Amino acid sequence: MSPVAIPILRAGMHEPFPSVETAHANGLLAAGGDLSPERLLDAYRHGIFPWYSRGQPILWWSPDPRTVFATDRVHVSTRLQRWLRHCDWSIGADTDFPAVIRACARPRPRQPTTWITREMSAAYCALHELGHAHSIEVRNVEGRLVGGIYGIAIGRMFFGESMFSTQTNGSKVALIALCRVLHEWGFPLLDAQVESAHLTTMGASTMPRSAFVAQVADACAEPFPAGSWRESWQRLAARDLTS
């Protein structure tokens, strides 16, 4: 099979991304460039995200269709609702972004390698310092992290990047809490990038890339201040998610 030909971006240059309509069938759009805050924010505003493994060049993707959550339509099963009523976990935001990204980067039974390289971690930590990357932390009664999620916020659009669990339902609690607060703040969508059975059971759906990109442009243009969510995040307990 011959290699796929894609545009190559130069690091440190302000070259625009190719149109997402030129992406290959698998969503691959371009390679190269860098992970500077400016490049990353420009990518997300255009419905593009980086995803590559150690030893590869930076690869930029814009799949069609796109997987999303409507922030007011996350599915909470009856069984999960019963479990939440007796759960004593607490949920915060931006209390330890580096710990969440480290947990997301750890190898998993069905995923022995990680795409969250040192360079990726450093890039998203830099975006966190600028107030664009955020983490949701789920902690047990002893204060240990049991789940979390991180992603990028631009205007009133949130782009989910990765989530983790060290105990059953840890990532589900983080996702449900995040969507609930985003809906209250006027964020219509959470980008989940690529479809999976787990996301679908939680209420994710797909939309054509053209519709997604149009909604992203509108949501990113909506005013919402960049900065830490630690103080503005309402105090939440896992049991609050059943109300």
C-alpha atoms as a PDB file:
ATOM      1  CA  MET A   1       0.000   0.000   0.000  1.00  0.00           C
ATOM      2  CA  SER A   2       1.445   3.371  -0.969  1.00  0.00           C
ATOM      3  CA  PRO A   3       1.849   5.990   1.772  1.00  0.00           C
ATOM      4  CA  VAL A   4      -0.844   8.640   2.166  1.00  0.00           C
ATOM      5  CA  ALA A   5       0.213  12.040   0.808  1.00  0.00           C
ATOM      6  CA  ILE A   6      -0.664  14.923   3.130  1.00  0.00           C
ATOM      7  CA  PRO A   7       0.441  18.547   3.481  1.00  0.00           C
ATOM      8  CA  ILE A   8       3.475  19.116   5.715  1.00  0.00           C
ATOM      9  CA  LEU A   9       3.462  22.122   8.051  1.00  0.00           C
ATOM     10  CA  ARG A  10       6.688  23.810   9.139  1.00  0.00           C
ATOM     11  CA  ALA A  11       7.453  24.316  12.824  1.00  0.00           C
ATOM     12  CA  GLY A  12       7.485  27.912  13.990  1.00  0.00           C
ATOM     13  CA  MET A  13       5.650  29.178  10.927  1.00  0.00           C
ATOM     14  CA  HIS A  14       2.166  30.690  10.891  1.00  0.00           C
ATOM     15  CA  GLU A  15       0.951  28.607   7.985  1.00  0.00           C
ATOM     16  CA  PRO A  16      -2.814  28.033   7.924  1.00  0.00           C
ATOM     17  CA  PHE A  17      -4.178  24.513   8.142  1.00  0.00           C
ATOM     18  CA  PRO A  18      -5.535  22.992   4.945  1.00  0.00           C
ATOM     19  CA  SER A  19      -9.326  23.013   4.631  1.00  0.00           C
ATOM     20  CA  VAL A  20     -10.803  20.165   6.658  1.00  0.00           C
ATOM     21  CA  GLU A  21     -12.680  19.115   3.537  1.00  0.00           C
ATOM     22  CA  THR A  22      -9.323  17.947   2.114  1.00  0.00           C
ATOM     23  CA  ALA A  23      -8.776  15.408   4.917  1.00  0.00           C
ATOM     24  CA  HIS A  24      -8.426  11.770   3.930  1.00  0.00           C
ATOM     25  CA  ALA A  25     -11.246   9.310   4.593  1.00  0.00           C
ATOM     26  CA  ASN A  26      -9.771   8.388   7.981  1.00  0.00           C
ATOM     27  CA  GLY A  27      -9.659  12.063   9.009  1.00  0.00           C
ATOM     28  CA  LEU A  28      -5.913  12.626   8.579  1.00  0.00           C
ATOM     29  CA  LEU A  29      -5.398  16.207   7.428  1.00  0.00           C
ATOM     30  CA  ALA A  30      -1.748  17.248   7.799  1.00  0.00           C
ATOM     31  CA  ALA A  31       1.564  16.516   9.526  1.00  0.00           C
ATOM     32  CA  GLY A  32       4.336  18.534  11.107  1.00  0.00           C
ATOM     33  CA  GLY A  33       4.162  22.006  12.558  1.00  0.00           C
ATOM     34  CA  ASP A  34       4.455  22.385  16.308  1.00  0.00           C
ATOM     35  CA  LEU A  35       2.437  22.239  19.524  1.00  0.00           C
ATOM     36  CA  SER A  36       2.633  25.925  20.382  1.00  0.00           C
ATOM     37  CA  PRO A  37      -0.426  27.406  22.116  1.00  0.00           C
ATOM     38  CA  GLU A  38      -1.182  29.485  19.036  1.00  0.00           C
ATOM     39  CA  ARG A  39      -1.090  26.455  16.718  1.00  0.00           C
ATOM     40  CA  LEU A  40      -3.191  24.305  19.049  1.00  0.00           C
ATOM     41  CA  LEU A  41      -5.882  26.941  19.594  1.00  0.00           C
ATOM     42  CA  ASP A  42      -6.042  27.604  15.862  1.00  0.00           C
ATOM     43  CA  ALA A  43      -6.474  23.869  15.249  1.00  0.00           C
ATOM     44  CA  TYR A  44      -9.355  23.482  17.693  1.00  0.00           C
ATOM     45  CA  ARG A  45     -11.127  26.558  16.332  1.00  0.00           C
ATOM     46  CA  HIS A  46     -11.169  24.810  12.940  1.00  0.00           C
ATOM     47  CA  GLY A  47     -12.283  21.397  14.172  1.00  0.00           C
ATOM     48  CA  ILE A  48      -8.771  19.888  14.075  1.00  0.00           C
ATOM     49  CA  PHE A  49      -6.814  18.078  16.799  1.00  0.00           C
ATOM     50  CA  PRO A  50      -3.345  16.468  17.124  1.00  0.00           C
ATOM     51  CA  TRP A  51      -3.004  12.722  17.652  1.00  0.00           C
ATOM     52  CA  TYR A  52       0.181  10.751  17.105  1.00  0.00           C
ATOM     53  CA  SER A  53       2.449   8.208  18.770  1.00  0.00           C
ATOM     54  CA  ARG A  54       6.033   8.462  19.964  1.00  0.00           C
ATOM     55  CA  GLY A  55       8.409   8.358  16.998  1.00  0.00           C
ATOM     56  CA  GLN A  56       5.855   9.819  14.567  1.00  0.00           C
ATOM     57  CA  PRO A  57       5.637  13.407  13.348  1.00  0.00           C
ATOM     58  CA  ILE A  58       2.797  15.499  14.732  1.00  0.00           C
ATOM     59  CA  LEU A  59      -0.357  14.348  12.932  1.00  0.00           C
ATOM     60  CA  TRP A  60      -3.437  16.545  12.626  1.00  0.00           C
ATOM     61  CA  TRP A  61      -6.939  15.067  12.292  1.00  0.00           C
ATOM     62  CA  SER A  62     -10.470  16.152  11.423  1.00  0.00           C
ATOM     63  CA  PRO A  63     -12.660  13.037  11.169  1.00  0.00           C
ATOM     64  CA  ASP A  64     -16.026  12.901   9.428  1.00  0.00           C
ATOM     65  CA  PRO A  65     -18.409  12.326  11.092  1.00  0.00           C
ATOM     66  CA  ARG A  66     -17.513  13.872  14.457  1.00  0.00           C
ATOM     67  CA  THR A  67     -18.557  12.436  17.831  1.00  0.00           C
ATOM     68  CA  VAL A  68     -20.090  14.912  20.275  1.00  0.00           C
ATOM     69  CA  PHE A  69     -22.144  15.181  23.428  1.00  0.00           C
ATOM     70  CA  ALA A  70     -24.995  17.639  23.647  1.00  0.00           C
ATOM     71  CA  THR A  71     -24.237  18.884  27.158  1.00  0.00           C
ATOM     72  CA  ASP A  72     -27.874  18.517  28.255  1.00  0.00           C
ATOM     73  CA  ARG A  73     -28.279  14.945  26.956  1.00  0.00           C
ATOM     74  CA  VAL A  74     -25.690  12.792  28.704  1.00  0.00           C
ATOM     75  CA  HIS A  75     -27.252   9.413  29.439  1.00  0.00           C
ATOM     76  CA  VAL A  76     -27.216   8.268  33.059  1.00  0.00           C
ATOM     77  CA  SER A  77     -28.556   4.738  33.341  1.00  0.00           C
ATOM     78  CA  THR A  78     -30.952   3.752  36.122  1.00  0.00           C
ATOM     79  CA  ARG A  79     -28.271   1.516  37.591  1.00  0.00           C
ATOM     80  CA  LEU A  80     -25.733   4.355  37.609  1.00  0.00           C
ATOM     81  CA  GLN A  81     -28.269   6.728  39.175  1.00  0.00           C
ATOM     82  CA  ARG A  82     -28.801   4.269  42.046  1.00  0.00           C
ATOM     83  CA  TRP A  83     -25.055   3.942  42.512  1.00  0.00           C
ATOM     84  CA  LEU A  84     -24.536   7.718  42.488  1.00  0.00           C
ATOM     85  CA  ARG A  85     -27.051   8.247  45.306  1.00  0.00           C
ATOM     86  CA  HIS A  86     -24.724   6.420  47.680  1.00  0.00           C
ATOM     87  CA  CYS A  87     -21.417   7.696  46.301  1.00  0.00           C
ATOM     88  CA  ASP A  88     -19.328   9.935  48.589  1.00  0.00           C
ATOM     89  CA  TRP A  89     -16.911  11.200  45.926  1.00  0.00           C
ATOM     90  CA  SER A  90     -16.281  14.912  45.382  1.00  0.00           C
ATOM     91  CA  ILE A  91     -15.737  16.652  42.043  1.00  0.00           C
ATOM     92  CA  GLY A  92     -13.537  19.683  41.416  1.00  0.00           C
ATOM     93  CA  ALA A  93     -11.977  21.507  38.494  1.00  0.00           C
ATOM     94  CA  ASP A  94      -8.408  22.667  37.845  1.00  0.00           C
ATOM     95  CA  THR A  95      -7.185  21.506  41.242  1.00  0.00           C
ATOM     96  CA  ASP A  96      -4.372  19.360  39.769  1.00  0.00           C
ATOM     97  CA  PHE A  97      -4.185  19.462  35.973  1.00  0.00           C
ATOM     98  CA  PRO A  98      -0.749  17.760  35.732  1.00  0.00           C
ATOM     99  CA  ALA A  99      -1.986  14.806  37.833  1.00  0.00           C
ATOM    100  CA  VAL A 100      -4.979  14.291  35.547  1.00  0.00           C
ATOM    101  CA  ILE A 101      -2.915  14.369  32.367  1.00  0.00           C
ATOM    102  CA  ARG A 102      -0.387  11.947  33.912  1.00  0.00           C
ATOM    103  CA  ALA A 103      -3.192   9.563  34.846  1.00  0.00           C
ATOM    104  CA  CYS A 104      -4.643   9.768  31.328  1.00  0.00           C
ATOM    105  CA  ALA A 105      -1.201   8.969  29.883  1.00  0.00           C
ATOM    106  CA  ARG A 106      -0.681   5.762  31.864  1.00  0.00           C
ATOM    107  CA  PRO A 107      -0.792   2.520  29.838  1.00  0.00           C
ATOM    108  CA  ARG A 108      -4.025   0.528  30.088  1.00  0.00           C
ATOM    109  CA  PRO A 109      -4.779  -3.184  29.638  1.00  0.00           C
ATOM    110  CA  ARG A 110      -6.038  -2.715  26.072  1.00  0.00           C
ATOM    111  CA  GLN A 111      -3.800   0.280  25.362  1.00  0.00           C
ATOM    112  CA  PRO A 112      -0.185  -0.586  26.275  1.00  0.00           C
ATOM    113  CA  THR A 113       1.226   2.589  24.672  1.00  0.00           C
ATOM    114  CA  THR A 114       0.125   6.201  24.974  1.00  0.00           C
ATOM    115  CA  TRP A 115      -0.260   9.059  22.519  1.00  0.00           C
ATOM    116  CA  ILE A 116       0.117  11.538  25.400  1.00  0.00           C
ATOM    117  CA  THR A 117       3.867  12.007  25.013  1.00  0.00           C
ATOM    118  CA  ARG A 118       6.017  14.315  27.121  1.00  0.00           C
ATOM    119  CA  GLU A 119       5.717  16.930  24.382  1.00  0.00           C
ATOM    120  CA  MET A 120       1.923  16.638  24.357  1.00  0.00           C
ATOM    121  CA  SER A 121       1.748  16.855  28.154  1.00  0.00           C
ATOM    122  CA  ALA A 122       3.947  19.951  28.187  1.00  0.00           C
ATOM    123  CA  ALA A 123       1.870  21.589  25.452  1.00  0.00           C
ATOM    124  CA  TYR A 124      -1.421  21.081  27.275  1.00  0.00           C
ATOM    125  CA  CYS A 125       0.061  22.147  30.600  1.00  0.00           C
ATOM    126  CA  ALA A 126       1.095  25.379  28.843  1.00  0.00           C
ATOM    127  CA  LEU A 127      -2.494  25.828  27.620  1.00  0.00           C
ATOM    128  CA  HIS A 128      -3.671  25.207  31.177  1.00  0.00           C
ATOM    129  CA  GLU A 129      -1.432  28.006  32.426  1.00  0.00           C
ATOM    130  CA  LEU A 130      -3.043  30.271  29.807  1.00  0.00           C
ATOM    131  CA  GLY A 131      -6.529  29.345  31.043  1.00  0.00           C
ATOM    132  CA  HIS A 132      -7.607  27.303  28.009  1.00  0.00           C
ATOM    133  CA  ALA A 133      -6.967  23.713  29.163  1.00  0.00           C
ATOM    134  CA  HIS A 134      -9.017  22.423  32.075  1.00  0.00           C
ATOM    135  CA  SER A 135      -9.238  19.296  34.169  1.00  0.00           C
ATOM    136  CA  ILE A 136     -12.054  17.749  36.156  1.00  0.00           C
ATOM    137  CA  GLU A 137     -10.943  15.765  39.197  1.00  0.00           C
ATOM    138  CA  VAL A 138     -13.019  13.095  40.959  1.00  0.00           C
ATOM    139  CA  ARG A 139     -11.733  12.213  44.428  1.00  0.00           C
ATOM    140  CA  ASN A 140     -12.782   9.631  46.981  1.00  0.00           C
ATOM    141  CA  VAL A 141     -13.397  10.402  50.639  1.00  0.00           C
ATOM    142  CA  GLU A 142      -9.649  10.039  51.363  1.00  0.00           C
ATOM    143  CA  GLY A 143      -8.898  12.678  48.703  1.00  0.00           C
ATOM    144  CA  ARG A 144      -7.322  10.321  46.161  1.00  0.00           C
ATOM    145  CA  LEU A 145      -7.986  10.787  42.455  1.00  0.00           C
ATOM    146  CA  VAL A 146     -10.300   8.059  41.178  1.00  0.00           C
ATOM    147  CA  GLY A 147     -11.235   9.587  37.819  1.00  0.00           C
ATOM    148  CA  GLY A 148     -10.935  12.665  35.671  1.00  0.00           C
ATOM    149  CA  ILE A 149     -11.076  14.275  32.260  1.00  0.00           C
ATOM    150  CA  TYR A 150      -9.213  17.111  30.567  1.00  0.00           C
ATOM    151  CA  GLY A 151      -9.745  19.205  27.471  1.00  0.00           C
ATOM    152  CA  ILE A 152      -9.701  22.627  25.870  1.00  0.00           C
ATOM    153  CA  ALA A 153     -12.201  25.472  26.230  1.00  0.00           C
ATOM    154  CA  ILE A 154     -12.453  28.260  23.661  1.00  0.00           C
ATOM    155  CA  GLY A 155     -15.355  30.653  24.020  1.00  0.00           C
ATOM    156  CA  ARG A 156     -18.313  28.402  24.858  1.00  0.00           C
ATOM    157  CA  MET A 157     -16.959  25.271  23.176  1.00  0.00           C
ATOM    158  CA  PHE A 158     -15.265  22.417  25.031  1.00  0.00           C
ATOM    159  CA  PHE A 159     -13.013  19.902  23.281  1.00  0.00           C
ATOM    160  CA  GLY A 160     -12.541  16.724  25.306  1.00  0.00           C
ATOM    161  CA  GLU A 161      -9.109  15.122  25.025  1.00  0.00           C
ATOM    162  CA  SER A 162      -8.856  12.169  27.397  1.00  0.00           C
ATOM    163  CA  MET A 163     -10.317  10.707  30.573  1.00  0.00           C
ATOM    164  CA  PHE A 164      -9.328   8.024  33.073  1.00  0.00           C
ATOM    165  CA  SER A 165     -10.634   5.880  35.912  1.00  0.00           C
ATOM    166  CA  THR A 166      -8.794   4.106  38.709  1.00  0.00           C
ATOM    167  CA  GLN A 167     -12.108   2.955  40.200  1.00  0.00           C
ATOM    168  CA  THR A 168     -15.297   1.870  38.472  1.00  0.00           C
ATOM    169  CA  ASN A 169     -17.373   4.835  37.206  1.00  0.00           C
ATOM    170  CA  GLY A 170     -14.599   7.383  37.841  1.00  0.00           C
ATOM    171  CA  SER A 171     -14.526   8.716  34.285  1.00  0.00           C
ATOM    172  CA  LYS A 172     -18.325   8.547  33.988  1.00  0.00           C
ATOM    173  CA  VAL A 173     -18.718  10.785  37.043  1.00  0.00           C
ATOM    174  CA  ALA A 174     -16.201  13.261  35.602  1.00  0.00           C
ATOM    175  CA  LEU A 175     -17.967  13.362  32.226  1.00  0.00           C
ATOM    176  CA  ILE A 176     -21.463  13.738  33.682  1.00  0.00           C
ATOM    177  CA  ALA A 177     -20.340  16.515  36.025  1.00  0.00           C
ATOM    178  CA  LEU A 178     -18.486  18.344  33.261  1.00  0.00           C
ATOM    179  CA  CYS A 179     -21.473  18.250  30.897  1.00  0.00           C
ATOM    180  CA  ARG A 180     -23.837  19.424  33.637  1.00  0.00           C
ATOM    181  CA  VAL A 181     -21.696  22.466  34.450  1.00  0.00           C
ATOM    182  CA  LEU A 182     -20.986  23.231  30.788  1.00  0.00           C
ATOM    183  CA  HIS A 183     -24.729  23.252  30.079  1.00  0.00           C
ATOM    184  CA  GLU A 184     -25.310  25.664  32.974  1.00  0.00           C
ATOM    185  CA  TRP A 185     -22.571  27.912  31.540  1.00  0.00           C
ATOM    186  CA  GLY A 186     -24.130  27.923  28.064  1.00  0.00           C
ATOM    187  CA  PHE A 187     -21.774  25.474  26.303  1.00  0.00           C
ATOM    188  CA  PRO A 188     -23.941  23.514  23.825  1.00  0.00           C
ATOM    189  CA  LEU A 189     -21.467  20.786  22.855  1.00  0.00           C
ATOM    190  CA  LEU A 190     -18.590  18.722  24.173  1.00  0.00           C
ATOM    191  CA  ASP A 191     -16.381  17.376  21.385  1.00  0.00           C
ATOM    192  CA  ALA A 192     -15.554  13.689  21.906  1.00  0.00           C
ATOM    193  CA  GLN A 193     -13.627  13.366  18.623  1.00  0.00           C
ATOM    194  CA  VAL A 194     -14.031   9.702  17.589  1.00  0.00           C
ATOM    195  CA  GLU A 195     -16.928   7.306  18.168  1.00  0.00           C
ATOM    196  CA  SER A 196     -16.599   4.415  20.623  1.00  0.00           C
ATOM    197  CA  ALA A 197     -19.050   1.995  22.219  1.00  0.00           C
ATOM    198  CA  HIS A 198     -18.376   3.488  25.666  1.00  0.00           C
ATOM    199  CA  LEU A 199     -19.133   7.039  24.533  1.00  0.00           C
ATOM    200  CA  THR A 200     -22.266   5.927  22.717  1.00  0.00           C
ATOM    201  CA  THR A 201     -23.657   4.277  25.840  1.00  0.00           C
ATOM    202  CA  MET A 202     -23.162   7.600  27.622  1.00  0.00           C
ATOM    203  CA  GLY A 203     -25.262   9.443  25.032  1.00  0.00           C
ATOM    204  CA  ALA A 204     -22.693  10.569  22.459  1.00  0.00           C
ATOM    205  CA  SER A 205     -23.882  11.020  18.884  1.00  0.00           C
ATOM    206  CA  THR A 206     -22.253  11.827  15.564  1.00  0.00           C
ATOM    207  CA  MET A 207     -22.703  14.774  13.239  1.00  0.00           C
ATOM    208  CA  PRO A 208     -21.321  15.572   9.796  1.00  0.00           C
ATOM    209  CA  ARG A 209     -17.983  17.384   9.940  1.00  0.00           C
ATOM    210  CA  SER A 210     -19.415  20.359   8.042  1.00  0.00           C
ATOM    211  CA  ALA A 211     -22.132  20.862  10.660  1.00  0.00           C
ATOM    212  CA  PHE A 212     -19.651  20.351  13.494  1.00  0.00           C
ATOM    213  CA  VAL A 213     -17.185  22.909  12.125  1.00  0.00           C
ATOM    214  CA  ALA A 214     -19.981  25.464  11.696  1.00  0.00           C
ATOM    215  CA  GLN A 215     -21.168  24.960  15.290  1.00  0.00           C
ATOM    216  CA  VAL A 216     -17.591  25.146  16.581  1.00  0.00           C
ATOM    217  CA  ALA A 217     -17.073  28.495  14.843  1.00  0.00           C
ATOM    218  CA  ASP A 218     -20.230  29.898  16.452  1.00  0.00           C
ATOM    219  CA  ALA A 219     -19.495  28.510  19.926  1.00  0.00           C
ATOM    220  CA  CYS A 220     -15.845  29.627  19.919  1.00  0.00           C
ATOM    221  CA  ALA A 221     -16.980  33.156  19.056  1.00  0.00           C
ATOM    222  CA  GLU A 222     -19.262  33.283  22.109  1.00  0.00           C
ATOM    223  CA  PRO A 223     -17.685  35.303  24.931  1.00  0.00           C
ATOM    224  CA  PHE A 224     -16.468  33.306  27.914  1.00  0.00           C
ATOM    225  CA  PRO A 225     -13.379  34.309  29.875  1.00  0.00           C
ATOM    226  CA  ALA A 226     -10.257  32.167  29.785  1.00  0.00           C
ATOM    227  CA  GLY A 227      -8.792  31.367  33.173  1.00  0.00           C
ATOM    228  CA  SER A 228      -8.868  28.825  35.978  1.00  0.00           C
ATOM    229  CA  TRP A 229     -12.179  27.130  36.779  1.00  0.00           C
ATOM    230  CA  ARG A 230     -11.076  26.245  40.297  1.00  0.00           C
ATOM    231  CA  GLU A 231     -13.044  28.999  42.016  1.00  0.00           C
ATOM    232  CA  SER A 232     -15.969  29.304  39.575  1.00  0.00           C
ATOM    233  CA  TRP A 233     -16.711  25.559  39.540  1.00  0.00           C
ATOM    234  CA  GLN A 234     -19.693  24.976  41.757  1.00  0.00           C
ATOM    235  CA  ARG A 235     -19.179  22.621  44.687  1.00  0.00           C
ATOM    236  CA  LEU A 236     -20.319  19.179  43.542  1.00  0.00           C
ATOM    237  CA  ALA A 237     -20.660  15.738  45.054  1.00  0.00           C
ATOM    238  CA  ALA A 238     -21.273  12.651  42.945  1.00  0.00           C
ATOM    239  CA  ARG A 239     -24.710  12.223  44.521  1.00  0.00           C
ATOM    240  CA  ASP A 240     -25.661  15.721  43.265  1.00  0.00           C
ATOM    241  CA  LEU A 241     -25.608  14.350  39.718  1.00  0.00           C
ATOM    242  CA  THR A 242     -28.874  12.471  40.300  1.00  0.00           C
ATOM    243  CA  SER A 243     -30.913  15.625  41.001  1.00  0.00           C
END
